[in-house]
C-alpha cells in the first residue's frame, strides 16, 4: 500500500493529474451507489460513463442526464479536500505506514 500511495502522490505532485480526496466526514452523496466518469472534449459533447449495480451506461445524447452528473461532480468537488490538503493526507498516511 505504501508504494501505491507514493505513486499516487508522485502523480498528483507532477501536475499531470488533479487529485482531491473526499473525506468520510463529507457524508452521504449522490455517487455512493455507482461510479461515473465525465469525459470532456474540446470540440465535441461531453460523454458520461456510469458503472453501477444495474450495469454500465455510456451516454452522450441525453444532455439532461449528462448535466445531472456534471452537477454531481461539482458537488463532490465542493465537498472534497483541496489539492494541498489531499497531499497532506497522503503524507500522513505514508507516515503512518512507515511507523507500522
N, C-alpha and C. Protein backbone atom coordinates (compact mmCIF):
# COMPACT_ATOMS: atom_id res chain seq x y z
N UNK A 1 0.82 -1.19 0.00
CA UNK A 1 0.00 0.00 0.00
C UNK A 1 0.87 1.26 0.00
N UNK A 2 1.99 1.17 0.66
CA UNK A 2 2.90 2.33 0.72
C UNK A 2 3.34 2.73 -0.69
N UNK A 3 3.71 1.75 -1.50
CA UNK A 3 4.14 2.05 -2.87
C UNK A 3 3.01 2.66 -3.70
N UNK A 4 1.80 2.17 -3.51
CA UNK A 4 0.66 2.71 -4.23
C UNK A 4 0.42 4.17 -3.85
N UNK A 5 0.43 4.45 -2.56
CA UNK A 5 0.23 5.83 -2.11
C UNK A 5 1.36 6.74 -2.57
N UNK A 6 2.58 6.23 -2.56
CA UNK A 6 3.72 7.02 -3.04
C UNK A 6 3.55 7.35 -4.52
N UNK A 7 3.11 6.38 -5.30
CA UNK A 7 2.90 6.62 -6.72
C UNK A 7 1.79 7.64 -6.95
N UNK A 8 0.70 7.51 -6.21
CA UNK A 8 -0.41 8.47 -6.34
C UNK A 8 0.07 9.87 -5.99
N UNK A 9 0.85 9.99 -4.92
CA UNK A 9 1.38 11.29 -4.53
C UNK A 9 2.30 11.85 -5.61
N UNK A 10 3.15 10.99 -6.15
CA UNK A 10 4.06 11.42 -7.22
C UNK A 10 3.27 11.95 -8.43
N UNK A 11 2.23 11.25 -8.82
CA UNK A 11 1.42 11.69 -9.95
C UNK A 11 0.72 13.02 -9.63
N UNK A 12 0.19 13.13 -8.42
CA UNK A 12 -0.55 14.34 -8.04
C UNK A 12 0.35 15.56 -7.95
N UNK A 13 1.61 15.36 -7.55
CA UNK A 13 2.52 16.50 -7.42
C UNK A 13 3.24 16.81 -8.73
N UNK A 14 3.08 15.96 -9.72
CA UNK A 14 3.76 16.19 -11.01
C UNK A 14 2.96 17.10 -11.93
N UNK A 15 1.80 17.54 -11.50
CA UNK A 15 0.93 18.41 -12.30
C UNK A 15 0.30 17.68 -13.49
N UNK A 16 0.40 16.35 -13.52
CA UNK A 16 -0.20 15.58 -14.61
C UNK A 16 -1.66 15.25 -14.34
N UNK A 17 -2.02 15.20 -13.06
CA UNK A 17 -3.40 14.93 -12.67
C UNK A 17 -3.78 15.88 -11.54
N UNK A 18 -5.05 15.99 -11.32
CA UNK A 18 -5.57 16.71 -10.17
C UNK A 18 -6.19 15.68 -9.24
N UNK A 19 -5.76 15.64 -8.01
CA UNK A 19 -6.26 14.68 -7.05
C UNK A 19 -6.87 15.41 -5.87
N UNK A 20 -8.10 15.03 -5.55
CA UNK A 20 -8.79 15.62 -4.40
C UNK A 20 -9.51 14.49 -3.68
N UNK A 21 -9.16 14.30 -2.42
CA UNK A 21 -9.76 13.23 -1.62
C UNK A 21 -11.11 13.69 -1.06
N UNK A 22 -12.04 12.76 -1.03
CA UNK A 22 -13.35 13.02 -0.44
C UNK A 22 -13.39 12.35 0.92
N UNK A 23 -13.34 13.13 1.99
CA UNK A 23 -13.28 12.53 3.34
C UNK A 23 -14.62 11.91 3.73
N UNK A 24 -14.55 10.91 4.61
CA UNK A 24 -15.77 10.29 5.12
C UNK A 24 -16.67 11.32 5.78
N UNK A 25 -16.08 12.36 6.36
CA UNK A 25 -16.86 13.41 7.03
C UNK A 25 -17.78 14.15 6.07
N UNK A 26 -17.55 14.02 4.76
CA UNK A 26 -18.42 14.68 3.78
C UNK A 26 -19.82 14.08 3.80
N UNK A 27 -19.95 12.88 4.35
CA UNK A 27 -21.25 12.26 4.47
C UNK A 27 -21.75 11.66 3.17
N UNK A 28 -23.04 11.38 3.16
CA UNK A 28 -23.67 10.75 2.00
C UNK A 28 -23.66 11.71 0.81
N UNK A 29 -23.53 11.11 -0.37
CA UNK A 29 -23.57 11.92 -1.59
C UNK A 29 -24.15 11.07 -2.72
N UNK A 30 -24.47 11.70 -3.81
CA UNK A 30 -25.19 11.05 -4.90
C UNK A 30 -24.43 9.93 -5.59
N UNK A 31 -23.15 9.86 -5.46
CA UNK A 31 -22.40 8.85 -6.21
C UNK A 31 -22.03 7.63 -5.37
N UNK A 32 -22.69 7.43 -4.25
CA UNK A 32 -22.37 6.28 -3.40
C UNK A 32 -22.75 4.95 -4.03
N UNK A 33 -23.80 4.93 -4.84
CA UNK A 33 -24.26 3.65 -5.39
C UNK A 33 -23.69 3.32 -6.76
N UNK A 34 -22.93 4.23 -7.34
CA UNK A 34 -22.32 3.96 -8.65
C UNK A 34 -21.12 4.87 -8.83
N UNK A 35 -20.27 4.48 -9.75
CA UNK A 35 -19.15 5.35 -10.10
C UNK A 35 -19.39 5.90 -11.49
N UNK A 36 -18.81 7.05 -11.77
CA UNK A 36 -19.02 7.64 -13.09
C UNK A 36 -17.78 8.40 -13.53
N UNK A 37 -17.67 8.52 -14.83
CA UNK A 37 -16.62 9.32 -15.45
C UNK A 37 -17.28 10.31 -16.38
N UNK A 38 -16.83 11.53 -16.36
CA UNK A 38 -17.25 12.54 -17.32
C UNK A 38 -16.04 12.84 -18.19
N UNK A 39 -16.17 12.55 -19.46
CA UNK A 39 -15.09 12.80 -20.40
C UNK A 39 -15.42 14.06 -21.18
N UNK A 40 -14.61 15.09 -21.02
CA UNK A 40 -14.84 16.36 -21.70
C UNK A 40 -13.96 16.47 -22.93
N UNK A 41 -14.54 16.92 -24.00
CA UNK A 41 -13.81 17.07 -25.26
C UNK A 41 -13.90 18.52 -25.72
N UNK A 42 -12.81 19.03 -26.20
CA UNK A 42 -12.75 20.43 -26.60
C UNK A 42 -13.70 20.74 -27.76
N UNK A 43 -13.76 19.86 -28.75
CA UNK A 43 -14.54 20.13 -29.95
C UNK A 43 -15.76 19.23 -30.08
N UNK A 44 -16.22 18.64 -28.98
CA UNK A 44 -17.35 17.73 -29.06
C UNK A 44 -18.10 17.74 -27.73
N UNK A 45 -19.23 17.07 -27.69
CA UNK A 45 -20.04 16.99 -26.47
C UNK A 45 -19.34 16.11 -25.44
N UNK A 46 -19.60 16.39 -24.15
CA UNK A 46 -19.09 15.55 -23.08
C UNK A 46 -19.74 14.17 -23.17
N UNK A 47 -19.02 13.16 -22.67
CA UNK A 47 -19.54 11.80 -22.63
C UNK A 47 -19.59 11.36 -21.17
N UNK A 48 -20.69 10.73 -20.81
CA UNK A 48 -20.90 10.22 -19.46
C UNK A 48 -20.76 8.70 -19.50
N UNK A 49 -20.00 8.15 -18.55
CA UNK A 49 -19.84 6.71 -18.40
C UNK A 49 -20.20 6.39 -16.96
N UNK A 50 -21.24 5.56 -16.76
CA UNK A 50 -21.72 5.21 -15.42
C UNK A 50 -21.61 3.71 -15.24
N UNK A 51 -21.03 3.27 -14.13
CA UNK A 51 -20.96 1.85 -13.79
C UNK A 51 -21.58 1.68 -12.41
N UNK A 52 -22.56 0.78 -12.32
CA UNK A 52 -23.22 0.56 -11.05
C UNK A 52 -23.88 -0.80 -11.00
N UNK A 53 -24.73 -1.02 -10.01
CA UNK A 53 -25.37 -2.32 -9.82
C UNK A 53 -26.21 -2.75 -11.03
N UNK A 54 -26.68 -1.80 -11.81
CA UNK A 54 -27.50 -2.13 -12.97
C UNK A 54 -26.69 -2.29 -14.25
N UNK A 55 -25.38 -2.27 -14.14
CA UNK A 55 -24.54 -2.44 -15.32
C UNK A 55 -23.82 -1.16 -15.68
N UNK A 56 -23.49 -1.05 -16.97
CA UNK A 56 -22.69 0.07 -17.48
C UNK A 56 -23.52 0.85 -18.49
N UNK A 57 -23.38 2.16 -18.45
CA UNK A 57 -24.09 3.04 -19.38
C UNK A 57 -23.10 4.06 -19.93
N UNK A 58 -23.10 4.23 -21.23
CA UNK A 58 -22.34 5.29 -21.86
C UNK A 58 -23.35 6.20 -22.55
N UNK A 59 -23.25 7.51 -22.27
CA UNK A 59 -24.27 8.41 -22.79
C UNK A 59 -23.64 9.72 -23.24
N UNK A 60 -24.02 10.16 -24.40
CA UNK A 60 -23.63 11.46 -24.91
C UNK A 60 -24.87 12.25 -25.34
N UNK A 61 -25.91 11.53 -25.70
CA UNK A 61 -27.08 12.16 -26.32
C UNK A 61 -28.06 12.74 -25.33
N UNK A 62 -28.19 12.16 -24.15
CA UNK A 62 -29.14 12.67 -23.16
C UNK A 62 -28.46 13.79 -22.38
N UNK A 63 -28.57 15.00 -22.88
CA UNK A 63 -27.87 16.15 -22.29
C UNK A 63 -28.34 16.43 -20.87
N UNK A 64 -29.60 16.13 -20.58
CA UNK A 64 -30.13 16.34 -19.24
C UNK A 64 -29.44 15.41 -18.23
N UNK A 65 -29.23 14.16 -18.63
CA UNK A 65 -28.54 13.21 -17.76
C UNK A 65 -27.08 13.62 -17.56
N UNK A 66 -26.43 14.01 -18.63
CA UNK A 66 -25.03 14.44 -18.53
C UNK A 66 -24.93 15.65 -17.61
N UNK A 67 -25.86 16.58 -17.74
CA UNK A 67 -25.86 17.78 -16.90
C UNK A 67 -26.05 17.41 -15.42
N UNK A 68 -26.89 16.42 -15.14
CA UNK A 68 -27.12 15.99 -13.76
C UNK A 68 -25.83 15.44 -13.15
N UNK A 69 -25.10 14.66 -13.93
CA UNK A 69 -23.84 14.13 -13.42
C UNK A 69 -22.76 15.22 -13.32
N UNK A 70 -22.82 16.21 -14.17
CA UNK A 70 -21.91 17.35 -14.03
C UNK A 70 -22.17 18.07 -12.71
N UNK A 71 -23.45 18.22 -12.34
CA UNK A 71 -23.81 18.83 -11.06
C UNK A 71 -23.31 17.96 -9.90
N UNK A 72 -23.46 16.66 -10.04
CA UNK A 72 -22.98 15.73 -9.01
C UNK A 72 -21.48 15.87 -8.84
N UNK A 73 -20.75 15.96 -9.94
CA UNK A 73 -19.30 16.13 -9.88
C UNK A 73 -18.92 17.43 -9.18
N UNK A 74 -19.63 18.50 -9.48
CA UNK A 74 -19.37 19.79 -8.83
C UNK A 74 -19.62 19.69 -7.33
N UNK A 75 -20.68 18.97 -6.94
CA UNK A 75 -20.98 18.78 -5.52
C UNK A 75 -19.86 18.00 -4.84
N UNK A 76 -19.38 16.94 -5.49
CA UNK A 76 -18.27 16.15 -4.93
C UNK A 76 -17.01 17.00 -4.81
N UNK A 77 -16.76 17.83 -5.80
CA UNK A 77 -15.59 18.71 -5.77
C UNK A 77 -15.69 19.69 -4.61
N UNK A 78 -16.89 20.24 -4.40
CA UNK A 78 -17.09 21.18 -3.29
C UNK A 78 -16.86 20.52 -1.93
N UNK A 79 -17.22 19.24 -1.81
CA UNK A 79 -17.10 18.52 -0.54
C UNK A 79 -15.71 17.95 -0.31
N UNK A 80 -14.91 17.88 -1.35
CA UNK A 80 -13.61 17.23 -1.23
C UNK A 80 -12.56 18.18 -0.65
N UNK A 81 -11.46 17.59 -0.22
CA UNK A 81 -10.33 18.36 0.28
C UNK A 81 -9.67 19.11 -0.88
N UNK A 82 -8.98 20.18 -0.58
CA UNK A 82 -8.21 20.88 -1.60
C UNK A 82 -7.07 19.98 -2.07
N UNK A 83 -6.44 20.35 -3.16
CA UNK A 83 -5.30 19.57 -3.65
C UNK A 83 -4.20 19.52 -2.59
N UNK A 84 -3.93 20.66 -1.95
CA UNK A 84 -2.89 20.72 -0.93
C UNK A 84 -3.24 19.84 0.28
N UNK A 85 -4.49 19.91 0.72
CA UNK A 85 -4.92 19.10 1.85
C UNK A 85 -4.89 17.61 1.51
N UNK A 86 -5.17 17.28 0.27
CA UNK A 86 -5.11 15.88 -0.17
C UNK A 86 -3.67 15.37 -0.12
N UNK A 87 -2.72 16.18 -0.56
CA UNK A 87 -1.30 15.80 -0.49
C UNK A 87 -0.89 15.63 0.97
N UNK A 88 -1.35 16.52 1.83
CA UNK A 88 -1.05 16.40 3.27
C UNK A 88 -1.62 15.11 3.84
N UNK A 89 -2.82 14.75 3.41
CA UNK A 89 -3.43 13.49 3.86
C UNK A 89 -2.59 12.30 3.40
N UNK A 90 -2.13 12.33 2.16
CA UNK A 90 -1.26 11.25 1.67
C UNK A 90 0.02 11.18 2.49
N UNK A 91 0.59 12.33 2.82
CA UNK A 91 1.80 12.35 3.65
C UNK A 91 1.54 11.72 5.02
N UNK A 92 0.40 12.05 5.61
CA UNK A 92 0.05 11.47 6.91
C UNK A 92 -0.10 9.96 6.82
N UNK A 93 -0.78 9.49 5.78
CA UNK A 93 -0.97 8.05 5.60
C UNK A 93 0.37 7.35 5.38
N UNK A 94 1.23 7.96 4.57
CA UNK A 94 2.55 7.37 4.33
C UNK A 94 3.36 7.31 5.62
N UNK A 95 3.26 8.35 6.43
CA UNK A 95 3.99 8.37 7.71
C UNK A 95 3.47 7.26 8.63
N UNK A 96 2.16 7.08 8.67
CA UNK A 96 1.56 6.02 9.50
C UNK A 96 2.04 4.65 9.03
N UNK A 97 2.15 4.47 7.72
CA UNK A 97 2.61 3.18 7.19
C UNK A 97 4.09 2.96 7.48
N UNK A 98 4.87 4.02 7.51
CA UNK A 98 6.30 3.89 7.85
C UNK A 98 6.47 3.44 9.31
N UNK A 99 5.58 3.95 10.18
CA UNK A 99 5.69 3.64 11.60
C UNK A 99 5.15 2.26 11.95
N UNK A 100 4.42 1.65 11.05
CA UNK A 100 3.80 0.34 11.39
C UNK A 100 4.66 -0.82 10.97
